[in-house]
Amino acid sequence: MKHKICTLGSHSALQILKGGRDEGFETVLIAEKKRLKPYESFRVADHIIAVDKFADAKDRDDELAAMNAVLIPHASFVNAFSLAEIDELKTPYFGNKKVLAWETDRKKQRQWLAEAGLKLPRIFEKPSDIDTSVIIKFYGAQGGKGYFLAHNQKEFEEKIKQHPDQKYIIQEYIVGAPVYIHYFYSPLTEELELMGFDRRYESNVDSIGRISAKDQLDLNIETSYNIMGNTPLVVRESLLPEIFEMGEQVIAASKKWDSRGLFGPFCLETIVTPDLDFFVFEISARIVAGTNPYIHGSPYSDLRYNKPMSTGRRIAMEIRLAEEQNALERIFN
């Protein structure tokens, strides 16, 4: 029986399910009952499993395995289950589960990126070390929720009171243009592909620029980095060689930690300075919502495939190729 593409109804599910359909697969959606409407309206799922909350999906593991479903992870998937629960699932999982532990632990993630030879913002081990503008980030895939800026120890200690018991890092704030790079690495072809770029539209930090500096001060606005959407981006062509090299270095470093390493979709989240230096501040080791503007593909996927190729469809294509080559053990976990 052919596999079915399955994911949780959130984040990038629409393009994952459409991509599965475009590659000839049946699709399975696990959706919270209160969020069914978009998926019923867009008609991307052949089978819908309604649950009260995403965490209940683990109780449907035997059912999914019997359907020959394959789980496609995204950020909501990582938030819904613990790493131990993900590891215990019987249903095939696209990707290397071990990589999730590297992504969710910010110290491990930084070590990985450092070993890849990428430029990274400084990390301050304690608030008293702060000597420049910093951004405080919390662990997990939260879409920037709660992140805040501080300029000294006093300001940090005042603002962190609003986030008790949360694990965080204190990271140097790099001034530049945010660029999110979408890659796909195939273990079948051993080739890295560039799928596109985006930048995030964050509330309220992006709207603050629409009012004058005086009004900003008068309103006493605290910046928020909670992501509410994504906009497509095309970069200078002269930057592409370095962008490919960065992705290849990340893949090579991952294989030193685990023989299978990172494969499938991933994203390097960067700031580009006025000198056109890339500082990598984070990696997402699975599909990111920034690929959602490209349901029919980006200019880069169009150059390579000359047909609609979203990241969701590229995942499905990899599964189809693995089925044809009897190589599913290379892409499933």
C-alpha atoms as a PDB file:
ATOM      1  CA  MET A   1       0.000   0.000   0.000  1.00  0.00           C
ATOM      2  CA  LYS A   2       1.343   3.409  -0.991  1.00  0.00           C
ATOM      3  CA  HIS A   3       2.174   5.841   1.788  1.00  0.00           C
ATOM      4  CA  LYS A   4      -0.131   8.702   2.723  1.00  0.00           C
ATOM      5  CA  ILE A   5       1.177  12.176   3.530  1.00  0.00           C
ATOM      6  CA  CYS A   6       0.122  13.204   7.048  1.00  0.00           C
ATOM      7  CA  THR A   7       0.633  16.304   9.164  1.00  0.00           C
ATOM      8  CA  LEU A   8      -0.943  18.460  11.872  1.00  0.00           C
ATOM      9  CA  GLY A   9      -3.417  21.148  10.798  1.00  0.00           C
ATOM     10  CA  SER A  10      -1.287  24.212  11.445  1.00  0.00           C
ATOM     11  CA  HIS A  11       1.850  26.107  10.353  1.00  0.00           C
ATOM     12  CA  SER A  12       2.531  24.792   6.812  1.00  0.00           C
ATOM     13  CA  ALA A  13      -0.060  22.016   6.541  1.00  0.00           C
ATOM     14  CA  LEU A  14      -1.816  23.503   3.508  1.00  0.00           C
ATOM     15  CA  GLN A  15       1.260  23.345   1.273  1.00  0.00           C
ATOM     16  CA  ILE A  16       2.380  19.981   2.707  1.00  0.00           C
ATOM     17  CA  LEU A  17      -0.983  18.402   1.887  1.00  0.00           C
ATOM     18  CA  LYS A  18      -1.317  20.097  -1.502  1.00  0.00           C
ATOM     19  CA  GLY A  19       2.252  19.055  -2.303  1.00  0.00           C
ATOM     20  CA  GLY A  20       1.411  15.476  -1.406  1.00  0.00           C
ATOM     21  CA  ARG A  21      -1.637  15.565  -3.687  1.00  0.00           C
ATOM     22  CA  ASP A  22       0.456  17.063  -6.515  1.00  0.00           C
ATOM     23  CA  GLU A  23       2.838  14.088  -6.266  1.00  0.00           C
ATOM     24  CA  GLY A  24      -0.009  11.573  -6.373  1.00  0.00           C
ATOM     25  CA  PHE A  25      -0.360  10.740  -2.664  1.00  0.00           C
ATOM     26  CA  GLU A  26      -3.483  10.554  -0.546  1.00  0.00           C
ATOM     27  CA  THR A  27      -3.340  12.998   2.351  1.00  0.00           C
ATOM     28  CA  VAL A  28      -4.236  12.756   6.031  1.00  0.00           C
ATOM     29  CA  LEU A  29      -4.848  15.766   8.257  1.00  0.00           C
ATOM     30  CA  ILE A  30      -4.873  15.709  12.052  1.00  0.00           C
ATOM     31  CA  ALA A  31      -6.789  18.848  13.019  1.00  0.00           C
ATOM     32  CA  GLU A  32      -8.082  20.350  16.217  1.00  0.00           C
ATOM     33  CA  LYS A  33     -11.874  20.475  16.062  1.00  0.00           C
ATOM     34  CA  LYS A  34     -11.927  24.239  16.621  1.00  0.00           C
ATOM     35  CA  ARG A  35      -9.623  24.787  13.589  1.00  0.00           C
ATOM     36  CA  LEU A  36     -11.217  22.545  10.959  1.00  0.00           C
ATOM     37  CA  LYS A  37     -12.791  25.241   8.777  1.00  0.00           C
ATOM     38  CA  PRO A  38      -9.773  26.274   6.623  1.00  0.00           C
ATOM     39  CA  TYR A  39      -8.885  22.693   5.754  1.00  0.00           C
ATOM     40  CA  GLU A  40     -12.462  21.808   4.873  1.00  0.00           C
ATOM     41  CA  SER A  41     -12.682  24.943   2.726  1.00  0.00           C
ATOM     42  CA  PHE A  42      -9.377  24.466   0.875  1.00  0.00           C
ATOM     43  CA  ARG A  43     -10.062  20.723   0.358  1.00  0.00           C
ATOM     44  CA  VAL A  44      -6.454  19.605   0.647  1.00  0.00           C
ATOM     45  CA  ALA A  45      -7.071  16.524   2.823  1.00  0.00           C
ATOM     46  CA  ASP A  46      -8.444  13.161   1.714  1.00  0.00           C
ATOM     47  CA  HIS A  47      -8.831  12.032   5.328  1.00  0.00           C
ATOM     48  CA  ILE A  48      -9.380  14.246   8.376  1.00  0.00           C
ATOM     49  CA  ILE A  49      -8.823  13.028  11.918  1.00  0.00           C
ATOM     50  CA  ALA A  50     -10.368  15.510  14.349  1.00  0.00           C
ATOM     51  CA  VAL A  51      -8.925  15.786  17.854  1.00  0.00           C
ATOM     52  CA  ASP A  52      -9.602  18.074  20.808  1.00  0.00           C
ATOM     53  CA  LYS A  53      -5.925  19.067  20.973  1.00  0.00           C
ATOM     54  CA  PHE A  54      -2.850  18.134  18.977  1.00  0.00           C
ATOM     55  CA  ALA A  55      -1.328  16.224  21.889  1.00  0.00           C
ATOM     56  CA  ASP A  56      -4.170  13.691  21.514  1.00  0.00           C
ATOM     57  CA  ALA A  57      -2.771  12.673  18.122  1.00  0.00           C
ATOM     58  CA  LYS A  58      -0.292  10.330  19.791  1.00  0.00           C
ATOM     59  CA  ASP A  59      -3.279   8.205  20.828  1.00  0.00           C
ATOM     60  CA  ARG A  60      -4.044   7.685  17.119  1.00  0.00           C
ATOM     61  CA  ASP A  61      -0.569   6.324  16.390  1.00  0.00           C
ATOM     62  CA  ASP A  62      -1.744   2.748  15.684  1.00  0.00           C
ATOM     63  CA  GLU A  63      -4.478   4.057  13.388  1.00  0.00           C
ATOM     64  CA  LEU A  64      -2.003   6.192  11.437  1.00  0.00           C
ATOM     65  CA  ALA A  65       0.477   3.353  11.134  1.00  0.00           C
ATOM     66  CA  ALA A  66      -2.282   1.061   9.815  1.00  0.00           C
ATOM     67  CA  MET A  67      -3.148   3.714   7.198  1.00  0.00           C
ATOM     68  CA  ASN A  68       0.493   3.667   6.053  1.00  0.00           C
ATOM     69  CA  ALA A  69       0.757   7.356   6.893  1.00  0.00           C
ATOM     70  CA  VAL A  70       4.067   9.183   7.074  1.00  0.00           C
ATOM     71  CA  LEU A  71       4.319  12.147   9.443  1.00  0.00           C
ATOM     72  CA  ILE A  72       5.729  15.420   8.122  1.00  0.00           C
ATOM     73  CA  PRO A  73       6.965  17.564  11.045  1.00  0.00           C
ATOM     74  CA  HIS A  74       6.681  21.326  11.339  1.00  0.00           C
ATOM     75  CA  ALA A  75       6.927  23.783  14.248  1.00  0.00           C
ATOM     76  CA  SER A  76       3.471  22.981  15.672  1.00  0.00           C
ATOM     77  CA  PHE A  77       4.417  19.287  15.657  1.00  0.00           C
ATOM     78  CA  VAL A  78       7.508  20.061  17.726  1.00  0.00           C
ATOM     79  CA  ASN A  79       5.431  22.104  20.186  1.00  0.00           C
ATOM     80  CA  ALA A  80       2.661  19.502  20.539  1.00  0.00           C
ATOM     81  CA  PHE A  81       4.846  16.562  21.603  1.00  0.00           C
ATOM     82  CA  SER A  82       7.888  16.037  23.750  1.00  0.00           C
ATOM     83  CA  LEU A  83      11.017  14.648  22.127  1.00  0.00           C
ATOM     84  CA  ALA A  84      10.419  11.362  23.966  1.00  0.00           C
ATOM     85  CA  GLU A  85       6.855  11.119  22.618  1.00  0.00           C
ATOM     86  CA  ILE A  86       8.061  11.793  19.077  1.00  0.00           C
ATOM     87  CA  ASP A  87      10.721   9.122  19.444  1.00  0.00           C
ATOM     88  CA  GLU A  88       8.141   6.540  20.556  1.00  0.00           C
ATOM     89  CA  LEU A  89       5.807   7.005  17.573  1.00  0.00           C
ATOM     90  CA  LYS A  90       5.338   3.896  15.415  1.00  0.00           C
ATOM     91  CA  THR A  91       4.148   5.890  12.401  1.00  0.00           C
ATOM     92  CA  PRO A  92       7.023   6.612   9.987  1.00  0.00           C
ATOM     93  CA  TYR A  93       8.477  10.098  10.366  1.00  0.00           C
ATOM     94  CA  PHE A  94      10.104  12.045   7.540  1.00  0.00           C
ATOM     95  CA  GLY A  95      13.495  13.270   8.709  1.00  0.00           C
ATOM     96  CA  ASN A  96      16.039  12.502  11.400  1.00  0.00           C
ATOM     97  CA  LYS A  97      14.435  12.713  14.846  1.00  0.00           C
ATOM     98  CA  LYS A  98      17.823  13.196  16.496  1.00  0.00           C
ATOM     99  CA  VAL A  99      18.128  16.619  14.888  1.00  0.00           C
ATOM    100  CA  LEU A 100      15.112  17.876  16.857  1.00  0.00           C
ATOM    101  CA  ALA A 101      17.141  17.779  20.080  1.00  0.00           C
ATOM    102  CA  TRP A 102      19.829  19.926  18.470  1.00  0.00           C
ATOM    103  CA  GLU A 103      17.298  22.502  17.287  1.00  0.00           C
ATOM    104  CA  THR A 104      15.296  22.832  20.506  1.00  0.00           C
ATOM    105  CA  ASP A 105      18.360  23.143  22.766  1.00  0.00           C
ATOM    106  CA  ARG A 106      19.772  26.570  21.904  1.00  0.00           C
ATOM    107  CA  LYS A 107      23.231  25.735  23.276  1.00  0.00           C
ATOM    108  CA  LYS A 108      23.490  22.587  21.140  1.00  0.00           C
ATOM    109  CA  GLN A 109      22.149  24.508  18.170  1.00  0.00           C
ATOM    110  CA  ARG A 110      24.826  27.169  18.588  1.00  0.00           C
ATOM    111  CA  GLN A 111      27.564  24.553  18.897  1.00  0.00           C
ATOM    112  CA  TRP A 112      26.335  22.941  15.668  1.00  0.00           C
ATOM    113  CA  LEU A 113      26.345  26.250  13.778  1.00  0.00           C
ATOM    114  CA  ALA A 114      29.750  27.183  15.199  1.00  0.00           C
ATOM    115  CA  GLU A 115      31.225  23.849  14.083  1.00  0.00           C
ATOM    116  CA  ALA A 116      29.803  24.599  10.633  1.00  0.00           C
ATOM    117  CA  GLY A 117      32.034  27.679  10.574  1.00  0.00           C
ATOM    118  CA  LEU A 118      29.208  30.226  10.338  1.00  0.00           C
ATOM    119  CA  LYS A 119      29.296  33.758  11.724  1.00  0.00           C
ATOM    120  CA  LEU A 120      27.191  33.949  14.883  1.00  0.00           C
ATOM    121  CA  PRO A 121      26.054  36.784  17.147  1.00  0.00           C
ATOM    122  CA  ARG A 122      27.727  36.854  20.553  1.00  0.00           C
ATOM    123  CA  ILE A 123      26.014  35.098  23.460  1.00  0.00           C
ATOM    124  CA  PHE A 124      26.148  36.622  26.962  1.00  0.00           C
ATOM    125  CA  GLU A 125      26.353  34.024  29.715  1.00  0.00           C
ATOM    126  CA  LYS A 126      24.981  36.340  32.419  1.00  0.00           C
ATOM    127  CA  PRO A 127      23.125  39.677  32.486  1.00  0.00           C
ATOM    128  CA  SER A 128      26.074  41.504  34.054  1.00  0.00           C
ATOM    129  CA  ASP A 129      28.063  40.802  30.855  1.00  0.00           C
ATOM    130  CA  ILE A 130      25.693  42.847  28.661  1.00  0.00           C
ATOM    131  CA  ASP A 131      27.682  45.662  27.032  1.00  0.00           C
ATOM    132  CA  THR A 132      25.601  46.293  23.896  1.00  0.00           C
ATOM    133  CA  SER A 133      22.055  45.887  22.607  1.00  0.00           C
ATOM    134  CA  VAL A 134      20.814  42.306  23.059  1.00  0.00           C
ATOM    135  CA  ILE A 135      17.734  40.282  22.202  1.00  0.00           C
ATOM    136  CA  ILE A 136      16.419  37.709  24.663  1.00  0.00           C
ATOM    137  CA  LYS A 137      15.069  34.546  23.042  1.00  0.00           C
ATOM    138  CA  PHE A 138      13.234  31.657  24.638  1.00  0.00           C
ATOM    139  CA  TYR A 139      13.673  27.953  23.935  1.00  0.00           C
ATOM    140  CA  GLY A 140      11.355  26.119  21.546  1.00  0.00           C
ATOM    141  CA  ALA A 141       9.555  26.969  18.300  1.00  0.00           C
ATOM    142  CA  GLN A 142       7.381  29.872  19.459  1.00  0.00           C
ATOM    143  CA  GLY A 143       7.483  32.139  16.429  1.00  0.00           C
ATOM    144  CA  GLY A 144       9.280  34.939  18.254  1.00  0.00           C
ATOM    145  CA  LYS A 145       6.654  35.208  20.977  1.00  0.00           C
ATOM    146  CA  GLY A 146       7.942  36.988  24.071  1.00  0.00           C
ATOM    147  CA  TYR A 147      11.325  37.988  22.619  1.00  0.00           C
ATOM    148  CA  PHE A 148      12.486  41.378  23.876  1.00  0.00           C
ATOM    149  CA  LEU A 149      15.368  43.835  23.574  1.00  0.00           C
ATOM    150  CA  ALA A 150      17.553  45.083  26.405  1.00  0.00           C
ATOM    151  CA  HIS A 151      20.519  47.441  26.498  1.00  0.00           C
ATOM    152  CA  ASN A 152      21.930  46.771  29.963  1.00  0.00           C
ATOM    153  CA  GLN A 153      21.568  44.505  32.983  1.00  0.00           C
ATOM    154  CA  LYS A 154      18.988  46.714  34.697  1.00  0.00           C
ATOM    155  CA  GLU A 155      16.672  46.753  31.696  1.00  0.00           C
ATOM    156  CA  PHE A 156      17.067  42.991  31.242  1.00  0.00           C
ATOM    157  CA  GLU A 157      16.185  42.215  34.875  1.00  0.00           C
ATOM    158  CA  GLU A 158      13.107  44.430  34.728  1.00  0.00           C
ATOM    159  CA  LYS A 159      11.744  42.843  31.540  1.00  0.00           C
ATOM    160  CA  ILE A 160      12.567  39.215  32.361  1.00  0.00           C
ATOM    161  CA  LYS A 161      10.146  39.400  35.321  1.00  0.00           C
ATOM    162  CA  GLN A 162       7.317  39.012  32.799  1.00  0.00           C
ATOM    163  CA  HIS A 163       8.679  35.587  31.760  1.00  0.00           C
ATOM    164  CA  PRO A 164       9.192  33.548  34.948  1.00  0.00           C
ATOM    165  CA  ASP A 165      10.599  30.020  34.695  1.00  0.00           C
ATOM    166  CA  GLN A 166      11.354  30.252  30.949  1.00  0.00           C
ATOM    167  CA  LYS A 167      14.699  29.122  29.591  1.00  0.00           C
ATOM    168  CA  TYR A 168      16.353  31.806  27.517  1.00  0.00           C
ATOM    169  CA  ILE A 169      19.528  32.993  25.847  1.00  0.00           C
ATOM    170  CA  ILE A 170      20.911  36.534  25.743  1.00  0.00           C
ATOM    171  CA  GLN A 171      22.056  37.180  22.176  1.00  0.00           C
ATOM    172  CA  GLU A 172      23.802  40.166  20.649  1.00  0.00           C
ATOM    173  CA  TYR A 173      21.390  42.220  18.542  1.00  0.00           C
ATOM    174  CA  ILE A 174      22.843  42.542  15.036  1.00  0.00           C
ATOM    175  CA  VAL A 175      21.631  45.520  13.004  1.00  0.00           C
ATOM    176  CA  GLY A 176      20.861  44.530   9.419  1.00  0.00           C
ATOM    177  CA  ALA A 177      18.285  43.002   7.090  1.00  0.00           C
ATOM    178  CA  PRO A 178      16.657  39.748   8.232  1.00  0.00           C
ATOM    179  CA  VAL A 179      16.860  37.038   5.562  1.00  0.00           C
ATOM    180  CA  TYR A 180      15.448  33.537   6.056  1.00  0.00           C
ATOM    181  CA  ILE A 181      16.990  30.973   3.701  1.00  0.00           C
ATOM    182  CA  HIS A 182      15.004  27.868   2.704  1.00  0.00           C
ATOM    183  CA  TYR A 183      16.995  24.769   1.773  1.00  0.00           C
ATOM    184  CA  PHE A 184      16.284  21.149   0.967  1.00  0.00           C
ATOM    185  CA  TYR A 185      18.921  18.432   1.273  1.00  0.00           C
ATOM    186  CA  SER A 186      18.287  15.057  -0.362  1.00  0.00           C
ATOM    187  CA  PRO A 187      20.047  11.989   1.071  1.00  0.00           C
ATOM    188  CA  LEU A 188      19.042  10.178  -2.123  1.00  0.00           C
ATOM    189  CA  THR A 189      20.932  12.514  -4.472  1.00  0.00           C
ATOM    190  CA  GLU A 190      23.259  13.960  -1.809  1.00  0.00           C
ATOM    191  CA  GLU A 191      22.536  17.400  -3.246  1.00  0.00           C
ATOM    192  CA  LEU A 192      21.577  20.649  -1.538  1.00  0.00           C
ATOM    193  CA  GLU A 193      18.795  22.664  -3.171  1.00  0.00           C
ATOM    194  CA  LEU A 194      17.884  26.303  -2.608  1.00  0.00           C
ATOM    195  CA  MET A 195      14.100  26.593  -2.346  1.00  0.00           C
ATOM    196  CA  GLY A 196      13.664  30.317  -1.647  1.00  0.00           C
ATOM    197  CA  PHE A 197      13.831  33.156   0.863  1.00  0.00           C
ATOM    198  CA  ASP A 198      11.443  35.098   3.043  1.00  0.00           C
ATOM    199  CA  ARG A 199      11.362  37.753   5.660  1.00  0.00           C
ATOM    200  CA  ARG A 200       9.020  37.736   8.644  1.00  0.00           C
ATOM    201  CA  TYR A 201       6.325  40.292   9.372  1.00  0.00           C
ATOM    202  CA  GLU A 202       6.451  40.698  13.125  1.00  0.00           C
ATOM    203  CA  SER A 203       4.004  42.436  15.399  1.00  0.00           C
ATOM    204  CA  ASN A 204       4.559  45.039  16.599  1.00  0.00           C
ATOM    205  CA  VAL A 205       8.182  45.670  15.644  1.00  0.00           C
ATOM    206  CA  ASP A 206       7.362  46.062  11.932  1.00  0.00           C
ATOM    207  CA  SER A 207       4.516  48.500  12.553  1.00  0.00           C
ATOM    208  CA  ILE A 208       6.602  50.739  14.831  1.00  0.00           C
ATOM    209  CA  GLY A 209       8.529  51.999  11.801  1.00  0.00           C
ATOM    210  CA  ARG A 210       5.318  53.571  10.484  1.00  0.00           C
ATOM    211  CA  ILE A 211       5.251  56.193  13.252  1.00  0.00           C
ATOM    212  CA  SER A 212       7.735  58.937  14.071  1.00  0.00           C
ATOM    213  CA  ALA A 213      10.500  58.541  16.652  1.00  0.00           C
ATOM    214  CA  LYS A 214       8.807  61.177  18.843  1.00  0.00           C
ATOM    215  CA  ASP A 215       5.514  59.270  18.801  1.00  0.00           C
ATOM    216  CA  GLN A 216       7.314  56.025  19.562  1.00  0.00           C
ATOM    217  CA  LEU A 217       8.814  57.613  22.676  1.00  0.00           C
ATOM    218  CA  ASP A 218       5.534  59.236  23.700  1.00  0.00           C
ATOM    219  CA  LEU A 219       3.616  55.965  23.341  1.00  0.00           C
ATOM    220  CA  ASN A 220       6.255  54.048  25.330  1.00  0.00           C
ATOM    221  CA  ILE A 221       5.823  50.982  23.096  1.00  0.00           C
ATOM    222  CA  GLU A 222       7.554  47.731  24.023  1.00  0.00           C
ATOM    223  CA  THR A 223       8.659  45.948  20.857  1.00  0.00           C
ATOM    224  CA  SER A 224       7.268  42.498  20.121  1.00  0.00           C
ATOM    225  CA  TYR A 225       8.681  39.943  17.676  1.00  0.00           C
ATOM    226  CA  ASN A 226       5.651  37.660  17.467  1.00  0.00           C
ATOM    227  CA  ILE A 227       5.445  36.527  13.822  1.00  0.00           C
ATOM    228  CA  MET A 228       2.095  37.130  12.119  1.00  0.00           C
ATOM    229  CA  GLY A 229       3.078  36.455   8.520  1.00  0.00           C
ATOM    230  CA  ASN A 230       5.771  36.069   5.879  1.00  0.00           C
ATOM    231  CA  THR A 231       6.701  37.977   2.746  1.00  0.00           C
ATOM    232  CA  PRO A 232       8.679  36.567  -0.231  1.00  0.00           C
ATOM    233  CA  LEU A 233      12.165  37.800  -0.989  1.00  0.00           C
ATOM    234  CA  VAL A 234      14.693  37.569  -3.831  1.00  0.00           C
ATOM    235  CA  VAL A 235      18.345  38.243  -2.945  1.00  0.00           C
ATOM    236  CA  ARG A 236      21.208  39.643  -4.966  1.00  0.00           C
ATOM    237  CA  GLU A 237      22.431  36.926  -7.301  1.00  0.00           C
ATOM    238  CA  SER A 238      26.055  37.581  -6.294  1.00  0.00           C
ATOM    239  CA  LEU A 239      25.211  36.348  -2.780  1.00  0.00           C
ATOM    240  CA  LEU A 240      24.033  32.914  -3.924  1.00  0.00           C
ATOM    241  CA  PRO A 241      27.452  31.139  -3.908  1.00  0.00           C
ATOM    242  CA  GLU A 242      27.956  32.031  -0.233  1.00  0.00           C
ATOM    243  CA  ILE A 243      24.390  30.997   0.583  1.00  0.00           C
ATOM    244  CA  PHE A 244      24.921  27.544  -0.949  1.00  0.00           C
ATOM    245  CA  GLU A 245      28.225  27.199   0.910  1.00  0.00           C
ATOM    246  CA  MET A 246      26.579  28.020   4.253  1.00  0.00           C
ATOM    247  CA  GLY A 247      23.968  25.305   3.764  1.00  0.00           C
ATOM    248  CA  GLU A 248      26.554  22.742   2.730  1.00  0.00           C
ATOM    249  CA  GLN A 249      28.649  23.520   5.807  1.00  0.00           C
ATOM    250  CA  VAL A 250      25.619  22.931   8.052  1.00  0.00           C
ATOM    251  CA  ILE A 251      24.929  19.554   6.417  1.00  0.00           C
ATOM    252  CA  ALA A 252      28.585  18.501   6.749  1.00  0.00           C
ATOM    253  CA  ALA A 253      28.682  19.489  10.426  1.00  0.00           C
ATOM    254  CA  SER A 254      25.457  17.568  11.135  1.00  0.00           C
ATOM    255  CA  LYS A 255      26.970  14.358   9.741  1.00  0.00           C
ATOM    256  CA  LYS A 256      29.788  14.608  12.268  1.00  0.00           C
ATOM    257  CA  TRP A 257      27.209  14.464  15.055  1.00  0.00           C
ATOM    258  CA  ASP A 258      25.142  11.670  13.511  1.00  0.00           C
ATOM    259  CA  SER A 259      25.897   9.585  10.430  1.00  0.00           C
ATOM    260  CA  ARG A 260      22.517  10.391   8.822  1.00  0.00           C
ATOM    261  CA  GLY A 261      22.773  14.061   9.711  1.00  0.00           C
ATOM    262  CA  LEU A 262      20.234  16.686   8.710  1.00  0.00           C
ATOM    263  CA  PHE A 263      18.122  16.042   5.619  1.00  0.00           C
ATOM    264  CA  GLY A 264      14.906  17.305   4.109  1.00  0.00           C
ATOM    265  CA  PRO A 265      13.879  20.966   4.465  1.00  0.00           C
ATOM    266  CA  PHE A 266      15.633  23.381   6.811  1.00  0.00           C
ATOM    267  CA  CYS A 267      16.082  27.106   7.219  1.00  0.00           C
ATOM    268  CA  LEU A 268      19.004  29.308   8.220  1.00  0.00           C
ATOM    269  CA  GLU A 269      17.716  32.450   9.884  1.00  0.00           C
ATOM    270  CA  THR A 270      20.154  35.266   9.224  1.00  0.00           C
ATOM    271  CA  ILE A 271      20.840  38.965   9.509  1.00  0.00           C
ATOM    272  CA  VAL A 272      22.727  40.574   6.623  1.00  0.00           C
ATOM    273  CA  THR A 273      24.803  43.578   7.678  1.00  0.00           C
ATOM    274  CA  PRO A 274      25.508  46.680   5.555  1.00  0.00           C
ATOM    275  CA  ASP A 275      28.807  44.996   4.590  1.00  0.00           C
ATOM    276  CA  LEU A 276      26.753  42.032   3.286  1.00  0.00           C
ATOM    277  CA  ASP A 277      28.042  39.703   6.000  1.00  0.00           C
ATOM    278  CA  PHE A 278      25.655  36.896   6.989  1.00  0.00           C
ATOM    279  CA  PHE A 279      25.183  36.365  10.729  1.00  0.00           C
ATOM    280  CA  VAL A 280      23.227  33.181  11.445  1.00  0.00           C
ATOM    281  CA  PHE A 281      21.190  33.503  14.612  1.00  0.00           C
ATOM    282  CA  GLU A 282      19.102  30.335  14.374  1.00  0.00           C
ATOM    283  CA  ILE A 283      18.367  27.172  12.406  1.00  0.00           C
ATOM    284  CA  SER A 284      15.000  25.486  11.929  1.00  0.00           C
ATOM    285  CA  ALA A 285      15.667  21.849  11.102  1.00  0.00           C
ATOM    286  CA  ARG A 286      12.354  21.190   9.295  1.00  0.00           C
ATOM    287  CA  ILE A 287       9.948  23.066   7.034  1.00  0.00           C
ATOM    288  CA  VAL A 288       9.351  26.694   8.049  1.00  0.00           C
ATOM    289  CA  ALA A 289       6.246  28.836   7.562  1.00  0.00           C
ATOM    290  CA  GLY A 290       8.322  31.221   5.456  1.00  0.00           C
ATOM    291  CA  THR A 291       7.911  28.750   2.594  1.00  0.00           C
ATOM    292  CA  ASN A 292       4.124  29.314   2.596  1.00  0.00           C
ATOM    293  CA  PRO A 293       4.164  32.209   0.078  1.00  0.00           C
ATOM    294  CA  TYR A 294       5.517  29.716  -2.457  1.00  0.00           C
ATOM    295  CA  ILE A 295       2.617  27.299  -2.860  1.00  0.00           C
ATOM    296  CA  HIS A 296       3.459  27.198  -6.591  1.00  0.00           C
ATOM    297  CA  GLY A 297       7.179  27.458  -5.974  1.00  0.00           C
ATOM    298  CA  SER A 298       9.696  30.283  -5.745  1.00  0.00           C
ATOM    299  CA  PRO A 299      11.797  31.815  -8.541  1.00  0.00           C
ATOM    300  CA  TYR A 300      14.583  29.463  -7.427  1.00  0.00           C
ATOM    301  CA  SER A 301      12.548  26.253  -7.486  1.00  0.00           C
ATOM    302  CA  ASP A 302      11.137  27.347 -10.837  1.00  0.00           C
ATOM    303  CA  LEU A 303      14.653  27.674 -12.245  1.00  0.00           C
ATOM    304  CA  ARG A 304      15.496  24.141 -11.117  1.00  0.00           C
ATOM    305  CA  TYR A 305      12.251  22.285 -11.821  1.00  0.00           C
ATOM    306  CA  ASN A 306      10.412  24.449 -14.365  1.00  0.00           C
ATOM    307  CA  LYS A 307       7.120  23.419 -12.750  1.00  0.00           C
ATOM    308  CA  PRO A 308       5.313  24.276  -9.501  1.00  0.00           C
ATOM    309  CA  MET A 309       7.491  22.985  -6.632  1.00  0.00           C
ATOM    310  CA  SER A 310       6.720  24.131  -3.102  1.00  0.00           C
ATOM    311  CA  THR A 311       8.806  22.821  -0.227  1.00  0.00           C
ATOM    312  CA  GLY A 312       5.784  20.710   0.722  1.00  0.00           C
ATOM    313  CA  ARG A 313       5.733  19.136  -2.728  1.00  0.00           C
ATOM    314  CA  ARG A 314       9.521  18.622  -2.625  1.00  0.00           C
ATOM    315  CA  ILE A 315       9.076  16.560   0.551  1.00  0.00           C
ATOM    316  CA  ALA A 316       6.449  14.417  -1.185  1.00  0.00           C
ATOM    317  CA  MET A 317       8.692  14.053  -4.224  1.00  0.00           C
ATOM    318  CA  GLU A 318      11.497  12.733  -2.006  1.00  0.00           C
ATOM    319  CA  ILE A 319       9.141  10.132  -0.532  1.00  0.00           C
ATOM    320  CA  ARG A 320       8.004   9.091  -3.998  1.00  0.00           C
ATOM    321  CA  LEU A 321      11.609   8.749  -5.189  1.00  0.00           C
ATOM    322  CA  ALA A 322      12.502   6.697  -2.096  1.00  0.00           C
ATOM    323  CA  GLU A 323       9.549   4.373  -2.788  1.00  0.00           C
ATOM    324  CA  GLU A 324      10.686   3.913  -6.386  1.00  0.00           C
ATOM    325  CA  GLN A 325      14.286   3.226  -5.284  1.00  0.00           C
ATOM    326  CA  ASN A 326      13.316   0.980  -2.320  1.00  0.00           C
ATOM    327  CA  ALA A 327      15.234   3.410  -0.124  1.00  0.00           C
ATOM    328  CA  LEU A 328      12.636   4.450   2.458  1.00  0.00           C
ATOM    329  CA  GLU A 329      15.020   3.617   5.311  1.00  0.00           C
ATOM    330  CA  ARG A 330      17.169   6.548   4.163  1.00  0.00           C
ATOM    331  CA  ILE A 331      14.435   9.138   4.716  1.00  0.00           C
ATOM    332  CA  PHE A 332      12.203   7.662   7.459  1.00  0.00           C
ATOM    333  CA  ASN A 333      12.800   7.518  11.175  1.00  0.00           C
END
